[in-house]
Amino acid sequence: MFDYATLRFIWWALLGVLLVGFAIFDGFDLGVALLHPFVAKKDVERRVLINTIGPVWEGNQVWFILGGGAVFAAWPPLYAASFSGFYLAMLLVLIGFILRPVSITFRSKRDEPLWRATWDWLFFVSGALPSVLFGVAFGNLLLGVPFHFDQSLRFQYEGDLLSLLHPFALLCGIVSAVMLFMQGAAWLAGKTEGEINARARGIGAAAALALVLLLLAGGLWIATGIAGYRIESDVNYAGPSNPFGKTVVAGAGEWLLNYARFPLAAFAPLAALLGALGASILLAIGSPLAILASSVSVAGVVTTAGFSLFPFLLPSSSHPDESLTVWDASSSQATLGLMLVAALFFLPIVLTYTSWVYWVLRGAVREAAIEKGDDHYY
């Protein structure tokens, strides 16, 4: 079995894989919800959009559950700190997740225009809330979160919901929403036809170009105006999990140091930018392969954040020395080893059935099929 330090690194990488999976697969679900009021103009078109994700959104949610489970089991202090400090923000995300299945299920139960318009609006909200708040959360990770631990290692959060709305964090929220506009449009490019397809591709191509500009602006802001964090003291990579055992310094440009230490990490921001440019071109010419380029960009954005933060999981802006890192916030070696065996067994199963479902459900959702009144359509 791997040593403790290696297991910690492996679980950091696996957490990244789960977050990328969630951002790609549930990302287009959220993107379709965001696009709903802008792309679908008629009732049947709104039903088409809903049915492009109707059979798969629940399976896509598995990535979020796996990510939350991995944090709970592999990084207990991170789980406790994030769910305590971001409690109200997490509640808003949960409300969004609850609204999605409810709005999908109830929208077509009655024919009244007001009934359907209400659920259409709530469907949009179900995409907008998580999309923006996930970006705001990542922005606050880069800014640092005001927290510390008492002598009994009990987490003490020093901020509130409004303190999370820093201008840089709001920029990250916009980046997230625009990215998912692109991802949702790329999905619709391969799942719809006609006017819906044309509208989605137009919005998606513009969103992809906007994402490139926003990423460049965010990178410049990080390089010049955001204090990053660096561990200055010696690190015991295989030591016990104790956030008090290090010295951390903050300074401008610190989040960029990993790209000097590990040059291959530069492929992450490069993938984010080139993937978005490729998605814009493919959407403009009407290629269903836009979803591949868009997914590369989404993966690049998520991994860029991870590489920039490493080895920090949750930096503390008020007590930097008590920040949570890969090396001092994990479960025991035995727990990580047992979980790795389980992950190596179950993750291929998830990937296999996900691939099979998407293969079976390939092809476009057509207005004519919905107008026929088949019971299996929402």
Protein backbone atom coordinates (compact mmCIF):
# COMPACT_ATOMS: atom_id res chain seq x y z
CA MET A 1 0.00 0.00 0.00
CA PHE A 2 1.09 3.59 -0.56
CA ASP A 3 2.72 5.62 2.19
CA TYR A 4 0.76 8.33 4.01
CA ALA A 5 2.10 11.27 2.00
CA THR A 6 1.36 9.55 -1.31
CA LEU A 7 -2.17 8.64 -0.21
CA ARG A 8 -2.83 12.26 0.71
CA PHE A 9 -1.69 13.39 -2.72
CA ILE A 10 -3.73 10.68 -4.47
CA TRP A 11 -6.87 11.76 -2.65
CA TRP A 12 -6.23 15.39 -3.52
CA ALA A 13 -6.02 14.30 -7.17
CA LEU A 14 -9.15 12.11 -6.88
CA LEU A 15 -11.07 15.00 -5.37
CA GLY A 16 -10.05 17.03 -8.40
CA VAL A 17 -11.29 14.28 -10.73
CA LEU A 18 -14.67 14.23 -8.98
CA LEU A 19 -14.98 18.02 -9.13
CA VAL A 20 -14.12 17.98 -12.84
CA GLY A 21 -16.69 15.24 -13.44
CA PHE A 22 -19.32 17.24 -11.61
CA ALA A 23 -18.46 20.46 -13.46
CA ILE A 24 -18.65 18.77 -16.86
CA PHE A 25 -21.71 16.56 -16.44
CA ASP A 26 -23.88 18.51 -14.03
CA GLY A 27 -22.47 21.65 -15.62
CA PHE A 28 -24.50 21.22 -18.78
CA ASP A 29 -27.61 20.52 -16.68
CA LEU A 30 -27.10 23.84 -14.93
CA GLY A 31 -26.28 25.47 -18.26
CA VAL A 32 -29.50 24.27 -19.87
CA ALA A 33 -31.45 25.74 -16.95
CA LEU A 34 -29.60 29.04 -17.40
CA LEU A 35 -30.35 29.05 -21.14
CA HIS A 36 -34.00 28.11 -20.72
CA PRO A 37 -35.52 31.65 -20.84
CA PHE A 38 -33.20 32.80 -23.63
CA VAL A 39 -33.27 29.85 -26.01
CA ALA A 40 -36.82 28.47 -25.73
CA LYS A 41 -39.57 30.83 -26.93
CA LYS A 42 -42.55 28.45 -27.24
CA ASP A 43 -43.96 25.89 -24.85
CA VAL A 44 -42.86 22.94 -26.97
CA GLU A 45 -39.34 24.40 -27.19
CA ARG A 46 -39.20 24.69 -23.41
CA ARG A 47 -40.19 21.04 -23.16
CA VAL A 48 -37.45 20.13 -25.64
CA LEU A 49 -34.83 21.80 -23.44
CA ILE A 50 -36.07 20.06 -20.32
CA ASN A 51 -36.09 16.68 -22.06
CA THR A 52 -32.49 17.03 -23.23
CA ILE A 53 -31.44 16.62 -19.59
CA GLY A 54 -34.49 14.86 -18.16
CA PRO A 55 -33.14 11.29 -18.47
CA VAL A 56 -29.60 12.07 -17.29
CA TRP A 57 -29.57 14.83 -14.66
CA GLU A 58 -30.04 12.42 -11.74
CA GLY A 59 -27.06 10.34 -12.86
CA ASN A 60 -24.99 13.51 -13.29
CA GLN A 61 -25.76 14.41 -9.68
CA VAL A 62 -23.79 11.33 -8.61
CA TRP A 63 -20.58 13.28 -9.20
CA PHE A 64 -21.64 15.86 -6.61
CA ILE A 65 -22.54 13.15 -4.10
CA LEU A 66 -19.22 11.38 -4.69
CA GLY A 67 -17.34 14.65 -4.23
CA GLY A 68 -19.15 15.45 -0.99
CA GLY A 69 -18.56 11.91 0.26
CA ALA A 70 -14.87 12.12 -0.59
CA VAL A 71 -14.50 15.38 1.33
CA PHE A 72 -16.40 13.93 4.30
CA ALA A 73 -14.29 10.78 4.50
CA ALA A 74 -10.87 11.91 3.27
CA TRP A 75 -10.78 15.51 4.57
CA PRO A 76 -12.99 15.72 7.70
CA PRO A 77 -11.69 19.15 8.88
CA LEU A 78 -12.34 20.57 5.40
CA TYR A 79 -15.87 19.15 5.41
CA ALA A 80 -16.60 20.57 8.86
CA ALA A 81 -15.08 23.96 8.06
CA SER A 82 -16.66 24.45 4.64
CA PHE A 83 -20.13 23.34 5.66
CA SER A 84 -19.98 25.50 8.78
CA GLY A 85 -18.49 28.63 7.22
CA PHE A 86 -20.49 28.44 4.00
CA TYR A 87 -23.69 27.24 5.66
CA LEU A 88 -26.07 29.83 4.19
CA ALA A 89 -24.43 29.65 0.77
CA MET A 90 -24.69 25.84 0.86
CA LEU A 91 -28.35 26.16 1.81
CA LEU A 92 -28.98 28.33 -1.26
CA VAL A 93 -27.21 25.75 -3.44
CA LEU A 94 -29.36 23.02 -1.91
CA ILE A 95 -32.49 25.05 -2.64
CA GLY A 96 -31.38 25.26 -6.26
CA PHE A 97 -30.83 21.51 -6.42
CA ILE A 98 -34.28 20.91 -4.92
CA LEU A 99 -35.98 23.27 -7.37
CA ARG A 100 -34.58 21.50 -10.43
CA PRO A 101 -36.35 18.11 -10.11
CA VAL A 102 -39.49 19.73 -8.74
CA SER A 103 -39.75 22.16 -11.64
CA ILE A 104 -38.96 19.46 -14.22
CA THR A 105 -41.58 17.13 -12.78
CA PHE A 106 -44.42 19.59 -12.14
CA ARG A 107 -44.08 21.98 -15.08
CA SER A 108 -46.15 19.97 -17.57
CA LYS A 109 -48.68 18.59 -15.11
CA ARG A 110 -51.12 21.42 -15.94
CA ASP A 111 -51.75 23.45 -19.09
CA GLU A 112 -52.31 26.85 -17.47
CA PRO A 113 -49.79 29.44 -18.80
CA LEU A 114 -49.20 30.93 -15.33
CA TRP A 115 -48.47 27.48 -13.87
CA ARG A 116 -45.92 26.66 -16.55
CA ALA A 117 -44.36 30.14 -16.51
CA THR A 118 -43.84 29.88 -12.76
CA TRP A 119 -42.07 26.54 -13.02
CA ASP A 120 -40.03 27.80 -15.99
CA TRP A 121 -38.78 30.69 -13.85
CA LEU A 122 -37.97 28.35 -10.95
CA PHE A 123 -36.12 26.05 -13.36
CA PHE A 124 -33.95 29.01 -14.37
CA VAL A 125 -33.33 29.84 -10.68
CA SER A 126 -32.32 26.20 -10.09
CA GLY A 127 -29.48 26.74 -12.55
CA ALA A 128 -28.54 30.29 -11.63
CA LEU A 129 -28.13 29.84 -7.87
CA PRO A 130 -25.63 26.93 -7.91
CA SER A 131 -23.80 28.24 -10.98
CA VAL A 132 -22.98 31.60 -9.43
CA LEU A 133 -22.45 30.37 -5.86
CA PHE A 134 -19.98 27.64 -6.85
CA GLY A 135 -17.90 30.29 -8.58
CA VAL A 136 -18.15 32.61 -5.59
CA ALA A 137 -16.98 29.73 -3.37
CA PHE A 138 -13.89 29.10 -5.50
CA GLY A 139 -13.19 32.84 -5.51
CA ASN A 140 -13.24 32.89 -1.73
CA LEU A 141 -10.83 29.95 -1.61
CA LEU A 142 -8.35 32.05 -3.59
CA LEU A 143 -8.99 35.07 -1.37
CA GLY A 144 -8.81 33.09 1.87
CA VAL A 145 -11.64 32.58 4.33
CA PRO A 146 -11.68 34.23 7.78
CA PHE A 147 -11.56 31.36 10.26
CA HIS A 148 -9.45 29.81 13.00
CA PHE A 149 -9.48 26.83 15.35
CA ASP A 150 -9.61 26.96 19.13
CA GLN A 151 -7.32 24.80 21.26
CA SER A 152 -9.80 21.92 21.02
CA LEU A 153 -9.62 22.13 17.21
CA ARG A 154 -13.17 23.44 17.00
CA PHE A 155 -13.73 25.49 13.86
CA GLN A 156 -14.57 29.18 14.37
CA TYR A 157 -15.84 31.10 11.33
CA GLU A 158 -15.38 34.87 11.56
CA GLY A 159 -17.38 36.04 8.54
CA ASP A 160 -20.93 35.99 7.23
CA LEU A 161 -22.74 35.51 3.92
CA LEU A 162 -22.19 39.11 2.81
CA SER A 163 -18.46 38.88 3.47
CA LEU A 164 -18.28 36.19 0.78
CA LEU A 165 -19.41 38.71 -1.84
CA HIS A 166 -15.98 40.26 -2.46
CA PRO A 167 -15.66 41.82 -5.95
CA PHE A 168 -13.13 39.16 -6.98
CA ALA A 169 -15.42 36.39 -5.72
CA LEU A 170 -18.30 37.92 -7.68
CA LEU A 171 -16.08 37.91 -10.78
CA CYS A 172 -15.48 34.21 -10.19
CA GLY A 173 -19.25 33.74 -9.88
CA ILE A 174 -19.69 35.41 -13.27
CA VAL A 175 -16.93 33.21 -14.73
CA SER A 176 -18.74 30.14 -13.45
CA ALA A 177 -22.11 31.21 -14.89
CA VAL A 178 -20.63 32.14 -18.27
CA MET A 179 -18.70 28.86 -18.38
CA LEU A 180 -21.90 26.91 -17.78
CA PHE A 181 -23.75 28.96 -20.39
CA MET A 182 -21.09 27.66 -22.79
CA GLN A 183 -21.33 24.08 -21.52
CA GLY A 184 -25.13 24.05 -21.68
CA ALA A 185 -25.12 25.50 -25.20
CA ALA A 186 -22.56 22.92 -26.33
CA TRP A 187 -24.79 20.16 -24.98
CA LEU A 188 -27.83 21.59 -26.79
CA ALA A 189 -25.82 21.81 -30.02
CA GLY A 190 -25.86 18.02 -30.13
CA LYS A 191 -29.30 17.41 -28.63
CA THR A 192 -31.59 19.86 -30.45
CA GLU A 193 -32.52 20.94 -33.97
CA GLY A 194 -33.86 23.98 -35.77
CA GLU A 195 -34.34 27.37 -34.15
CA ILE A 196 -33.50 26.16 -30.62
CA ASN A 197 -30.21 24.82 -31.87
CA ALA A 198 -29.37 28.06 -33.67
CA ARG A 199 -30.17 30.23 -30.64
CA ALA A 200 -28.19 28.00 -28.29
CA ARG A 201 -25.16 27.98 -30.58
CA GLY A 202 -25.21 31.76 -30.93
CA ILE A 203 -25.37 32.34 -27.19
CA GLY A 204 -22.82 29.61 -26.50
CA ALA A 205 -20.29 30.97 -29.01
CA ALA A 206 -20.54 34.42 -27.44
CA ALA A 207 -20.31 32.97 -23.92
CA ALA A 208 -17.17 31.02 -24.84
CA LEU A 209 -15.44 34.17 -26.08
CA ALA A 210 -16.58 36.05 -22.99
CA LEU A 211 -15.13 33.25 -20.85
CA VAL A 212 -11.71 33.72 -22.45
CA LEU A 213 -11.75 37.44 -21.62
CA LEU A 214 -13.01 36.84 -18.08
CA LEU A 215 -10.34 34.19 -17.43
CA LEU A 216 -7.61 36.56 -18.62
CA ALA A 217 -9.01 39.33 -16.42
CA GLY A 218 -9.20 36.98 -13.44
CA GLY A 219 -5.65 35.77 -14.00
CA LEU A 220 -4.36 39.33 -14.15
CA TRP A 221 -6.23 40.18 -10.95
CA ILE A 222 -4.72 37.15 -9.18
CA ALA A 223 -1.24 38.08 -10.36
CA THR A 224 -1.39 41.70 -9.30
CA GLY A 225 -4.13 42.27 -6.75
CA ILE A 226 -4.81 39.08 -4.79
CA ALA A 227 -2.62 37.86 -1.94
CA GLY A 228 -1.79 34.18 -2.24
CA TYR A 229 -0.48 31.86 0.46
CA ARG A 230 2.71 29.85 0.84
CA ILE A 231 3.95 27.45 3.53
CA GLU A 232 7.24 28.88 4.78
CA SER A 233 8.12 26.28 7.42
CA ASP A 234 9.29 22.73 6.85
CA VAL A 235 6.47 20.32 5.98
CA ASN A 236 6.08 16.82 7.41
CA TYR A 237 4.18 15.24 4.53
CA ALA A 238 3.46 12.09 6.52
CA GLY A 239 2.83 13.74 9.88
CA PRO A 240 -0.39 13.76 11.90
CA SER A 241 -3.22 16.02 10.76
CA ASN A 242 -2.78 19.16 12.82
CA PRO A 243 -3.36 22.64 11.29
CA PHE A 244 -1.26 24.29 14.03
CA GLY A 245 2.05 22.80 12.90
CA LYS A 246 3.17 25.21 10.16
CA THR A 247 3.97 28.80 9.29
CA VAL A 248 2.15 30.39 6.35
CA VAL A 249 2.91 33.71 4.68
CA ALA A 250 0.71 35.73 2.33
CA GLY A 251 1.84 37.85 -0.57
CA ALA A 252 1.02 39.01 -4.07
CA GLY A 253 1.67 36.46 -6.81
CA GLU A 254 1.98 33.49 -4.43
CA TRP A 255 -0.79 31.56 -6.25
CA LEU A 256 1.34 31.58 -9.41
CA LEU A 257 4.40 29.94 -7.84
CA ASN A 258 3.19 26.40 -8.52
CA TYR A 259 3.43 27.04 -12.26
CA ALA A 260 7.12 27.86 -11.84
CA ARG A 261 7.69 24.77 -9.67
CA PHE A 262 5.63 22.44 -11.87
CA PRO A 263 5.67 23.74 -15.47
CA LEU A 264 3.30 21.01 -16.68
CA ALA A 265 0.57 22.61 -14.54
CA ALA A 266 0.45 25.39 -17.15
CA PHE A 267 -1.50 23.01 -19.39
CA ALA A 268 -4.55 23.60 -17.15
CA PRO A 269 -5.06 27.33 -17.89
CA LEU A 270 -3.99 26.68 -21.48
CA ALA A 271 -6.72 24.03 -21.80
CA ALA A 272 -9.26 26.43 -20.28
CA LEU A 273 -8.47 29.14 -22.84
CA LEU A 274 -7.98 26.99 -25.94
CA GLY A 275 -10.96 24.80 -25.10
CA ALA A 276 -13.21 27.87 -24.87
CA LEU A 277 -11.87 29.25 -28.17
CA GLY A 278 -12.41 25.86 -29.80
CA ALA A 279 -15.93 25.64 -28.39
CA SER A 280 -16.75 29.09 -29.77
CA ILE A 281 -15.60 28.11 -33.25
CA LEU A 282 -17.36 24.72 -33.20
CA LEU A 283 -20.58 26.27 -31.90
CA ALA A 284 -20.45 28.95 -34.59
CA ILE A 285 -20.16 26.36 -37.38
CA GLY A 286 -22.78 24.07 -35.82
CA SER A 287 -20.58 21.13 -34.89
CA PRO A 288 -21.90 18.70 -32.24
CA LEU A 289 -18.26 18.21 -31.17
CA ALA A 290 -18.47 21.55 -29.37
CA ILE A 291 -19.30 19.65 -26.17
CA LEU A 292 -15.82 18.07 -26.24
CA ALA A 293 -14.02 21.40 -26.56
CA SER A 294 -16.28 22.99 -23.96
CA SER A 295 -15.64 20.11 -21.53
CA VAL A 296 -11.88 20.53 -22.00
CA SER A 297 -12.28 24.19 -21.08
CA VAL A 298 -14.40 23.37 -18.01
CA ALA A 299 -11.83 20.80 -16.86
CA GLY A 300 -9.09 23.37 -17.42
CA VAL A 301 -10.85 26.00 -15.31
CA VAL A 302 -11.38 23.62 -12.38
CA THR A 303 -7.87 22.17 -12.47
CA THR A 304 -6.36 25.66 -12.76
CA ALA A 305 -7.97 26.56 -9.45
CA GLY A 306 -6.72 23.31 -7.91
CA PHE A 307 -3.14 23.69 -9.14
CA SER A 308 -3.03 27.32 -8.04
CA LEU A 309 -4.20 26.48 -4.51
CA PHE A 310 -2.05 23.38 -3.97
CA PRO A 311 -1.30 22.31 -1.28
CA PHE A 312 -4.00 24.47 0.33
CA LEU A 313 -7.54 23.16 0.65
CA LEU A 314 -9.00 26.07 2.65
CA PRO A 315 -6.69 29.04 3.33
CA SER A 316 -7.42 31.23 6.33
CA SER A 317 -7.23 34.95 5.69
CA SER A 318 -7.41 35.87 9.39
CA HIS A 319 -5.07 33.16 10.78
CA PRO A 320 -2.95 31.95 7.81
CA ASP A 321 -0.96 29.51 9.97
CA GLU A 322 -4.20 27.60 10.64
CA SER A 323 -5.07 27.11 6.99
CA LEU A 324 -6.08 23.61 5.96
CA THR A 325 -3.73 21.87 3.54
CA VAL A 326 -3.35 18.50 1.87
CA TRP A 327 -0.71 17.59 4.47
CA ASP A 328 -2.55 18.45 7.68
CA ALA A 329 -6.30 17.98 7.10
CA SER A 330 -6.70 14.36 6.02
CA SER A 331 -8.09 11.22 7.59
CA SER A 332 -5.77 8.51 8.85
CA GLN A 333 -3.55 6.46 6.57
CA ALA A 334 -5.73 3.38 7.11
CA THR A 335 -8.89 5.30 6.16
CA LEU A 336 -7.36 6.75 3.01
CA GLY A 337 -6.03 3.33 1.99
CA LEU A 338 -9.37 1.59 2.49
CA MET A 339 -11.20 4.34 0.64
CA LEU A 340 -8.75 4.12 -2.26
CA VAL A 341 -9.55 0.42 -2.70
CA ALA A 342 -13.27 1.26 -2.73
CA ALA A 343 -12.74 4.10 -5.20
CA LEU A 344 -10.73 1.90 -7.57
CA PHE A 345 -13.62 -0.57 -7.53
CA PHE A 346 -16.63 1.76 -7.76
CA LEU A 347 -15.35 4.64 -9.93
CA PRO A 348 -14.99 2.41 -13.05
CA ILE A 349 -18.56 1.23 -12.45
CA VAL A 350 -19.80 4.82 -12.39
CA LEU A 351 -17.88 5.61 -15.59
CA THR A 352 -19.15 2.46 -17.30
CA TYR A 353 -22.85 2.95 -16.61
CA THR A 354 -22.57 6.67 -17.37
CA SER A 355 -21.03 5.90 -20.76
CA TRP A 356 -23.72 3.28 -21.49
CA VAL A 357 -26.57 5.64 -20.58
CA TYR A 358 -25.25 8.40 -22.83
CA TRP A 359 -24.78 5.93 -25.68
CA VAL A 360 -28.34 4.61 -25.36
CA LEU A 361 -29.80 8.13 -25.14
CA ARG A 362 -27.73 9.61 -28.00
CA GLY A 363 -29.43 11.73 -30.63
CA ALA A 364 -31.55 14.84 -30.70
CA VAL A 365 -34.80 15.52 -28.86
CA ARG A 366 -37.35 16.52 -31.50
CA GLU A 367 -40.39 18.75 -31.19
CA ALA A 368 -42.49 16.35 -33.27
CA ALA A 369 -41.91 13.51 -30.80
CA ILE A 370 -42.99 15.68 -27.86
CA GLU A 371 -46.08 16.95 -29.70
CA LYS A 372 -47.18 13.37 -30.29
CA GLY A 373 -47.85 13.19 -26.58
CA ASP A 374 -45.64 10.24 -25.60
CA ASP A 375 -45.91 9.62 -21.87
CA HIS A 376 -42.16 9.34 -21.27
CA TYR A 377 -41.57 13.00 -22.16
CA TYR A 378 -41.76 15.69 -19.49
